Amino acid sequence: MNINISFFQDKLINAINAGIYIISIEKNGKTKPLYIGESFCVLIRCSQHLYEFKKNPEYFGFDNETIKDNNITLKFELIDSIEDQEDRKSEEKKKIKKHKPLCQSGYSDNMKPIPDKIQAVKDFLNEKN
């Protein structure tokens, strides 16, 4: 695994709280959301995502080729701090619908099948500016 990981940068302490987070892929100045989620403790949930990703890169649409690209950064960021679970879930769905993350179905937090995630990541990486 050669890709770079950016895990909440200077805002790690804020990720201890409840909120909505985004996991994005960045390469050559282009960024695209892979996944948007919500949790009562964003830091714990994103640590779980990172663990799953390390065990199985296909979890976020990477394959044996793309996982070795050291020009790619996987970014974890807090979007909003929202304590109320109902409000978080509602806002999460709005953001998924608006941003259309590569690994999600587009209308809820459900993930696409692995082959579809891999193809979506490859399509993004092969886009011309």
N, C-alpha and C. Protein backbone atom coordinates (compact mmCIF):
# COMPACT_ATOMS: atom_id res chain seq x y z
N MET A 1 0.85 -1.18 0.00
CA MET A 1 0.00 0.00 0.00
C MET A 1 0.89 1.23 0.00
N ASN A 2 0.82 2.01 -1.07
CA ASN A 2 1.66 3.20 -1.18
C ASN A 2 0.87 4.51 -1.15
N ILE A 3 -0.46 4.42 -1.19
CA ILE A 3 -1.22 5.67 -1.19
C ILE A 3 -1.02 6.39 0.13
N ASN A 4 -1.28 7.68 0.13
CA ASN A 4 -1.16 8.50 1.32
C ASN A 4 -2.49 8.54 2.05
N ILE A 5 -2.44 8.70 3.36
CA ILE A 5 -3.65 8.81 4.18
C ILE A 5 -3.60 10.14 4.91
N SER A 6 -4.67 10.92 4.78
CA SER A 6 -4.83 12.17 5.53
C SER A 6 -6.00 11.96 6.48
N PHE A 7 -5.70 11.85 7.77
CA PHE A 7 -6.70 11.49 8.77
C PHE A 7 -7.02 12.69 9.66
N PHE A 8 -7.94 13.51 9.24
CA PHE A 8 -8.47 14.67 9.95
C PHE A 8 -7.45 15.78 10.18
N GLN A 9 -6.27 15.68 9.64
CA GLN A 9 -5.24 16.72 9.72
C GLN A 9 -5.26 17.46 11.05
N ASP A 10 -5.52 18.78 11.03
CA ASP A 10 -5.46 19.60 12.25
C ASP A 10 -6.74 19.51 13.07
N LYS A 11 -7.74 18.80 12.60
CA LYS A 11 -9.04 18.80 13.26
C LYS A 11 -9.37 17.47 13.92
N LEU A 12 -8.35 16.74 14.31
CA LEU A 12 -8.55 15.43 14.92
C LEU A 12 -9.41 15.52 16.18
N ILE A 13 -9.20 16.51 17.00
CA ILE A 13 -9.95 16.64 18.26
C ILE A 13 -11.44 16.84 18.00
N ASN A 14 -11.80 17.53 16.90
CA ASN A 14 -13.22 17.74 16.57
C ASN A 14 -13.89 16.43 16.15
N ALA A 15 -13.12 15.50 15.61
CA ALA A 15 -13.67 14.23 15.13
C ALA A 15 -14.06 13.29 16.27
N ILE A 16 -13.75 13.65 17.50
CA ILE A 16 -14.17 12.84 18.65
C ILE A 16 -15.68 12.94 18.84
N ASN A 17 -16.28 14.00 18.35
CA ASN A 17 -17.70 14.25 18.55
C ASN A 17 -18.57 13.58 17.49
N ALA A 18 -19.87 13.74 17.67
CA ALA A 18 -20.84 13.25 16.70
C ALA A 18 -20.84 14.16 15.48
N GLY A 19 -21.09 13.55 14.31
CA GLY A 19 -21.15 14.39 13.12
C GLY A 19 -21.21 13.60 11.84
N ILE A 20 -21.02 14.34 10.76
CA ILE A 20 -21.00 13.78 9.41
C ILE A 20 -19.59 13.92 8.87
N TYR A 21 -19.11 12.86 8.24
CA TYR A 21 -17.74 12.85 7.72
C TYR A 21 -17.75 12.47 6.25
N ILE A 22 -16.65 12.80 5.60
CA ILE A 22 -16.47 12.47 4.19
C ILE A 22 -15.11 11.82 4.02
N ILE A 23 -15.09 10.77 3.23
CA ILE A 23 -13.84 10.11 2.85
C ILE A 23 -13.69 10.35 1.36
N SER A 24 -12.58 10.98 0.97
CA SER A 24 -12.38 11.38 -0.42
C SER A 24 -11.10 10.80 -0.98
N ILE A 25 -11.05 10.77 -2.30
CA ILE A 25 -9.84 10.40 -3.02
C ILE A 25 -9.32 11.66 -3.70
N GLU A 26 -8.00 11.87 -3.61
CA GLU A 26 -7.39 13.05 -4.23
C GLU A 26 -6.19 12.60 -5.05
N LYS A 27 -6.11 13.14 -6.27
CA LYS A 27 -4.95 12.90 -7.11
C LYS A 27 -4.79 14.07 -8.07
N ASN A 28 -3.56 14.56 -8.17
CA ASN A 28 -3.22 15.65 -9.09
C ASN A 28 -4.15 16.86 -8.94
N GLY A 29 -4.48 17.20 -7.70
CA GLY A 29 -5.31 18.37 -7.44
C GLY A 29 -6.80 18.15 -7.62
N LYS A 30 -7.21 16.96 -8.05
CA LYS A 30 -8.63 16.65 -8.20
C LYS A 30 -9.07 15.82 -7.00
N THR A 31 -10.26 16.13 -6.49
CA THR A 31 -10.81 15.41 -5.34
C THR A 31 -12.23 14.97 -5.64
N LYS A 32 -12.57 13.77 -5.20
CA LYS A 32 -13.93 13.25 -5.36
C LYS A 32 -14.29 12.44 -4.12
N PRO A 33 -15.50 12.65 -3.58
CA PRO A 33 -15.93 11.85 -2.42
C PRO A 33 -16.04 10.37 -2.77
N LEU A 34 -15.57 9.53 -1.88
CA LEU A 34 -15.77 8.09 -1.98
C LEU A 34 -16.95 7.65 -1.13
N TYR A 35 -17.09 8.29 0.04
CA TYR A 35 -18.09 7.84 1.00
C TYR A 35 -18.43 9.00 1.93
N ILE A 36 -19.70 9.12 2.28
CA ILE A 36 -20.16 10.08 3.28
C ILE A 36 -20.93 9.30 4.33
N GLY A 37 -20.62 9.54 5.59
CA GLY A 37 -21.28 8.82 6.67
C GLY A 37 -21.53 9.70 7.87
N GLU A 38 -22.17 9.10 8.85
CA GLU A 38 -22.45 9.81 10.10
C GLU A 38 -22.17 8.87 11.26
N SER A 39 -21.87 9.44 12.42
CA SER A 39 -21.61 8.63 13.60
C SER A 39 -21.71 9.48 14.86
N PHE A 40 -21.98 8.80 15.98
CA PHE A 40 -21.97 9.49 17.27
C PHE A 40 -20.55 9.83 17.69
N CYS A 41 -19.57 9.10 17.14
CA CYS A 41 -18.15 9.42 17.35
C CYS A 41 -17.43 9.19 16.03
N VAL A 42 -17.24 10.25 15.30
CA VAL A 42 -16.67 10.18 13.95
C VAL A 42 -15.28 9.53 13.97
N LEU A 43 -14.47 9.86 14.94
CA LEU A 43 -13.11 9.31 15.01
C LEU A 43 -13.11 7.79 15.09
N ILE A 44 -13.96 7.23 15.93
CA ILE A 44 -14.03 5.78 16.07
C ILE A 44 -14.52 5.15 14.77
N ARG A 45 -15.57 5.72 14.20
CA ARG A 45 -16.14 5.14 12.97
C ARG A 45 -15.14 5.18 11.82
N CYS A 46 -14.45 6.29 11.68
CA CYS A 46 -13.47 6.40 10.59
C CYS A 46 -12.26 5.51 10.83
N SER A 47 -11.91 5.28 12.08
CA SER A 47 -10.84 4.32 12.38
C SER A 47 -11.26 2.92 11.94
N GLN A 48 -12.53 2.59 12.13
CA GLN A 48 -13.04 1.30 11.65
C GLN A 48 -12.97 1.22 10.13
N HIS A 49 -13.36 2.30 9.45
CA HIS A 49 -13.27 2.33 7.99
C HIS A 49 -11.83 2.12 7.54
N LEU A 50 -10.90 2.81 8.19
CA LEU A 50 -9.49 2.70 7.81
C LEU A 50 -8.97 1.29 8.03
N TYR A 51 -9.39 0.66 9.11
CA TYR A 51 -9.00 -0.73 9.39
C TYR A 51 -9.53 -1.66 8.29
N GLU A 52 -10.79 -1.50 7.93
CA GLU A 52 -11.39 -2.32 6.86
C GLU A 52 -10.67 -2.08 5.54
N PHE A 53 -10.35 -0.84 5.26
CA PHE A 53 -9.65 -0.50 4.03
C PHE A 53 -8.27 -1.14 3.98
N LYS A 54 -7.56 -1.12 5.09
CA LYS A 54 -6.22 -1.73 5.13
C LYS A 54 -6.30 -3.24 4.89
N LYS A 55 -7.31 -3.89 5.47
CA LYS A 55 -7.49 -5.33 5.27
C LYS A 55 -7.93 -5.65 3.85
N ASN A 56 -8.76 -4.76 3.29
CA ASN A 56 -9.39 -5.03 2.00
C ASN A 56 -9.55 -3.72 1.22
N PRO A 57 -8.56 -3.33 0.43
CA PRO A 57 -8.63 -2.06 -0.30
C PRO A 57 -9.85 -1.91 -1.21
N GLU A 58 -10.43 -3.03 -1.64
CA GLU A 58 -11.63 -2.98 -2.47
C GLU A 58 -12.80 -2.32 -1.73
N TYR A 59 -12.71 -2.28 -0.41
CA TYR A 59 -13.73 -1.64 0.44
C TYR A 59 -14.06 -0.24 -0.06
N PHE A 60 -13.02 0.50 -0.53
CA PHE A 60 -13.23 1.83 -1.09
C PHE A 60 -12.86 1.89 -2.57
N GLY A 61 -12.93 0.76 -3.26
CA GLY A 61 -12.78 0.75 -4.71
C GLY A 61 -11.37 0.70 -5.24
N PHE A 62 -10.41 0.35 -4.41
CA PHE A 62 -9.03 0.25 -4.87
C PHE A 62 -8.73 -1.18 -5.29
N ASP A 63 -7.83 -1.33 -6.23
CA ASP A 63 -7.39 -2.66 -6.65
C ASP A 63 -5.87 -2.73 -6.49
N ASN A 64 -5.27 -3.82 -6.96
CA ASN A 64 -3.82 -4.02 -6.78
C ASN A 64 -2.99 -2.94 -7.46
N GLU A 65 -3.51 -2.35 -8.50
CA GLU A 65 -2.80 -1.29 -9.22
C GLU A 65 -2.96 0.07 -8.53
N THR A 66 -4.19 0.46 -8.27
CA THR A 66 -4.43 1.80 -7.72
C THR A 66 -3.91 1.95 -6.29
N ILE A 67 -3.87 0.87 -5.52
CA ILE A 67 -3.41 0.96 -4.13
C ILE A 67 -1.92 1.29 -4.04
N LYS A 68 -1.20 1.09 -5.14
CA LYS A 68 0.25 1.33 -5.16
C LYS A 68 0.63 2.73 -5.62
N ASP A 69 -0.36 3.53 -5.99
CA ASP A 69 -0.10 4.87 -6.56
C ASP A 69 0.15 5.88 -5.44
N ASN A 70 1.41 6.28 -5.26
CA ASN A 70 1.74 7.22 -4.18
C ASN A 70 1.35 8.66 -4.51
N ASN A 71 0.69 8.88 -5.64
CA ASN A 71 0.15 10.20 -5.95
C ASN A 71 -1.30 10.35 -5.49
N ILE A 72 -1.83 9.29 -4.91
CA ILE A 72 -3.22 9.30 -4.42
C ILE A 72 -3.21 9.52 -2.91
N THR A 73 -4.14 10.34 -2.46
CA THR A 73 -4.36 10.53 -1.02
C THR A 73 -5.79 10.15 -0.69
N LEU A 74 -5.96 9.35 0.34
CA LEU A 74 -7.26 9.03 0.89
C LEU A 74 -7.47 9.97 2.07
N LYS A 75 -8.47 10.84 1.97
CA LYS A 75 -8.67 11.89 2.96
C LYS A 75 -9.92 11.63 3.81
N PHE A 76 -9.77 11.74 5.11
CA PHE A 76 -10.87 11.64 6.07
C PHE A 76 -11.09 13.03 6.65
N GLU A 77 -12.32 13.56 6.53
CA GLU A 77 -12.61 14.91 7.01
C GLU A 77 -13.98 14.97 7.68
N LEU A 78 -14.08 15.82 8.68
CA LEU A 78 -15.36 16.10 9.33
C LEU A 78 -16.06 17.19 8.53
N ILE A 79 -17.32 16.95 8.15
CA ILE A 79 -18.08 17.95 7.42
C ILE A 79 -18.87 18.83 8.39
N ASP A 80 -19.64 18.18 9.28
CA ASP A 80 -20.50 18.89 10.23
C ASP A 80 -20.49 18.18 11.56
N SER A 81 -20.55 18.96 12.63
CA SER A 81 -20.77 18.40 13.97
C SER A 81 -22.26 18.52 14.27
N ILE A 82 -22.92 17.37 14.40
CA ILE A 82 -24.36 17.35 14.67
C ILE A 82 -24.60 16.28 15.74
N GLU A 83 -25.10 16.68 16.89
CA GLU A 83 -25.30 15.75 17.99
C GLU A 83 -26.52 14.85 17.80
N ASP A 84 -27.64 15.42 17.38
CA ASP A 84 -28.89 14.67 17.28
C ASP A 84 -28.83 13.64 16.15
N GLN A 85 -29.08 12.37 16.48
CA GLN A 85 -28.95 11.29 15.50
C GLN A 85 -29.92 11.44 14.34
N GLU A 86 -31.14 11.82 14.60
CA GLU A 86 -32.12 11.99 13.52
C GLU A 86 -31.69 13.09 12.56
N ASP A 87 -31.20 14.19 13.12
CA ASP A 87 -30.71 15.30 12.29
C ASP A 87 -29.49 14.88 11.47
N ARG A 88 -28.58 14.11 12.10
CA ARG A 88 -27.38 13.62 11.39
C ARG A 88 -27.76 12.74 10.21
N LYS A 89 -28.67 11.80 10.45
CA LYS A 89 -29.07 10.87 9.39
C LYS A 89 -29.74 11.61 8.23
N SER A 90 -30.56 12.58 8.56
CA SER A 90 -31.24 13.37 7.52
C SER A 90 -30.22 14.18 6.71
N GLU A 91 -29.30 14.81 7.38
CA GLU A 91 -28.28 15.62 6.70
C GLU A 91 -27.32 14.74 5.90
N GLU A 92 -27.00 13.57 6.43
CA GLU A 92 -26.14 12.63 5.72
C GLU A 92 -26.75 12.27 4.36
N LYS A 93 -28.03 11.95 4.34
CA LYS A 93 -28.71 11.58 3.09
C LYS A 93 -28.71 12.74 2.09
N LYS A 94 -28.90 13.95 2.58
CA LYS A 94 -28.86 15.13 1.70
C LYS A 94 -27.47 15.28 1.06
N LYS A 95 -26.44 15.10 1.87
CA LYS A 95 -25.07 15.26 1.36
C LYS A 95 -24.71 14.14 0.38
N ILE A 96 -25.18 12.94 0.63
CA ILE A 96 -24.92 11.83 -0.30
C ILE A 96 -25.59 12.13 -1.64
N LYS A 97 -26.82 12.58 -1.58
CA LYS A 97 -27.55 12.90 -2.81
C LYS A 97 -26.87 14.03 -3.58
N LYS A 98 -26.38 15.02 -2.86
CA LYS A 98 -25.75 16.19 -3.49
C LYS A 98 -24.37 15.84 -4.08
N HIS A 99 -23.53 15.13 -3.33
CA HIS A 99 -22.13 14.92 -3.72
C HIS A 99 -21.89 13.63 -4.50
N LYS A 100 -22.84 12.70 -4.47
CA LYS A 100 -22.74 11.44 -5.23
C LYS A 100 -21.39 10.74 -5.06
N PRO A 101 -21.08 10.28 -3.84
CA PRO A 101 -19.81 9.59 -3.60
C PRO A 101 -19.65 8.36 -4.50
N LEU A 102 -18.43 8.11 -4.92
CA LEU A 102 -18.13 7.04 -5.86
C LEU A 102 -18.51 5.65 -5.36
N CYS A 103 -18.45 5.41 -4.07
CA CYS A 103 -18.67 4.07 -3.52
C CYS A 103 -20.10 3.83 -3.02
N GLN A 104 -20.93 4.85 -3.07
CA GLN A 104 -22.28 4.71 -2.53
C GLN A 104 -23.33 4.72 -3.64
N SER A 105 -24.49 4.17 -3.29
CA SER A 105 -25.56 4.03 -4.27
C SER A 105 -26.14 5.37 -4.72
N GLY A 106 -25.99 6.40 -3.90
CA GLY A 106 -26.43 7.73 -4.29
C GLY A 106 -27.70 8.21 -3.62
N TYR A 107 -28.45 7.33 -3.01
CA TYR A 107 -29.69 7.75 -2.37
C TYR A 107 -29.72 7.41 -0.88
N SER A 108 -28.77 6.61 -0.42
CA SER A 108 -28.65 6.32 1.00
C SER A 108 -27.19 6.02 1.28
N ASP A 109 -26.90 5.55 2.49
CA ASP A 109 -25.50 5.26 2.80
C ASP A 109 -25.08 3.87 2.34
N ASN A 110 -25.93 3.18 1.57
CA ASN A 110 -25.58 1.85 1.06
C ASN A 110 -24.41 1.94 0.08
N MET A 111 -23.53 0.94 0.19
CA MET A 111 -22.37 0.87 -0.71
C MET A 111 -22.75 0.14 -1.99
N LYS A 112 -22.06 0.48 -3.07
CA LYS A 112 -22.20 -0.23 -4.34
C LYS A 112 -21.49 -1.58 -4.22
N PRO A 113 -21.76 -2.50 -5.14
CA PRO A 113 -20.97 -3.74 -5.18
C PRO A 113 -19.50 -3.43 -5.49
N ILE A 114 -18.61 -4.28 -5.03
CA ILE A 114 -17.17 -4.04 -5.18
C ILE A 114 -16.75 -3.77 -6.62
N PRO A 115 -17.18 -4.56 -7.61
CA PRO A 115 -16.75 -4.25 -8.99
C PRO A 115 -17.17 -2.85 -9.44
N ASP A 116 -18.33 -2.39 -9.00
CA ASP A 116 -18.79 -1.04 -9.35
C ASP A 116 -17.94 0.04 -8.67
N LYS A 117 -17.55 -0.22 -7.42
CA LYS A 117 -16.69 0.73 -6.71
C LYS A 117 -15.32 0.83 -7.40
N ILE A 118 -14.76 -0.30 -7.76
CA ILE A 118 -13.45 -0.32 -8.42
C ILE A 118 -13.52 0.44 -9.74
N GLN A 119 -14.58 0.19 -10.51
CA GLN A 119 -14.72 0.88 -11.80
C GLN A 119 -14.90 2.38 -11.61
N ALA A 120 -15.67 2.79 -10.60
CA ALA A 120 -15.89 4.22 -10.34
C ALA A 120 -14.59 4.92 -9.98
N VAL A 121 -13.76 4.28 -9.16
CA VAL A 121 -12.46 4.86 -8.78
C VAL A 121 -11.56 4.95 -10.01
N LYS A 122 -11.50 3.90 -10.81
CA LYS A 122 -10.67 3.92 -12.02
C LYS A 122 -11.15 5.02 -12.98
N ASP A 123 -12.45 5.15 -13.15
CA ASP A 123 -12.99 6.19 -14.03
C ASP A 123 -12.56 7.57 -13.54
N PHE A 124 -12.64 7.80 -12.24
CA PHE A 124 -12.21 9.10 -11.69
C PHE A 124 -10.71 9.31 -11.93
N LEU A 125 -9.91 8.31 -11.67
CA LEU A 125 -8.46 8.45 -11.84
C LEU A 125 -8.04 8.65 -13.29
N ASN A 126 -8.86 8.15 -14.22
CA ASN A 126 -8.54 8.28 -15.64
C ASN A 126 -9.17 9.51 -16.30
N GLU A 127 -9.96 10.29 -15.55
CA GLU A 127 -10.57 11.51 -16.11
C GLU A 127 -9.49 12.48 -16.56
N LYS A 128 -9.74 13.10 -17.66
CA LYS A 128 -8.84 14.17 -18.14
C LYS A 128 -9.37 15.50 -17.60
N ASN A 129 -8.47 16.39 -17.25
CA ASN A 129 -8.88 17.71 -16.72
C ASN A 129 -9.57 18.53 -17.76
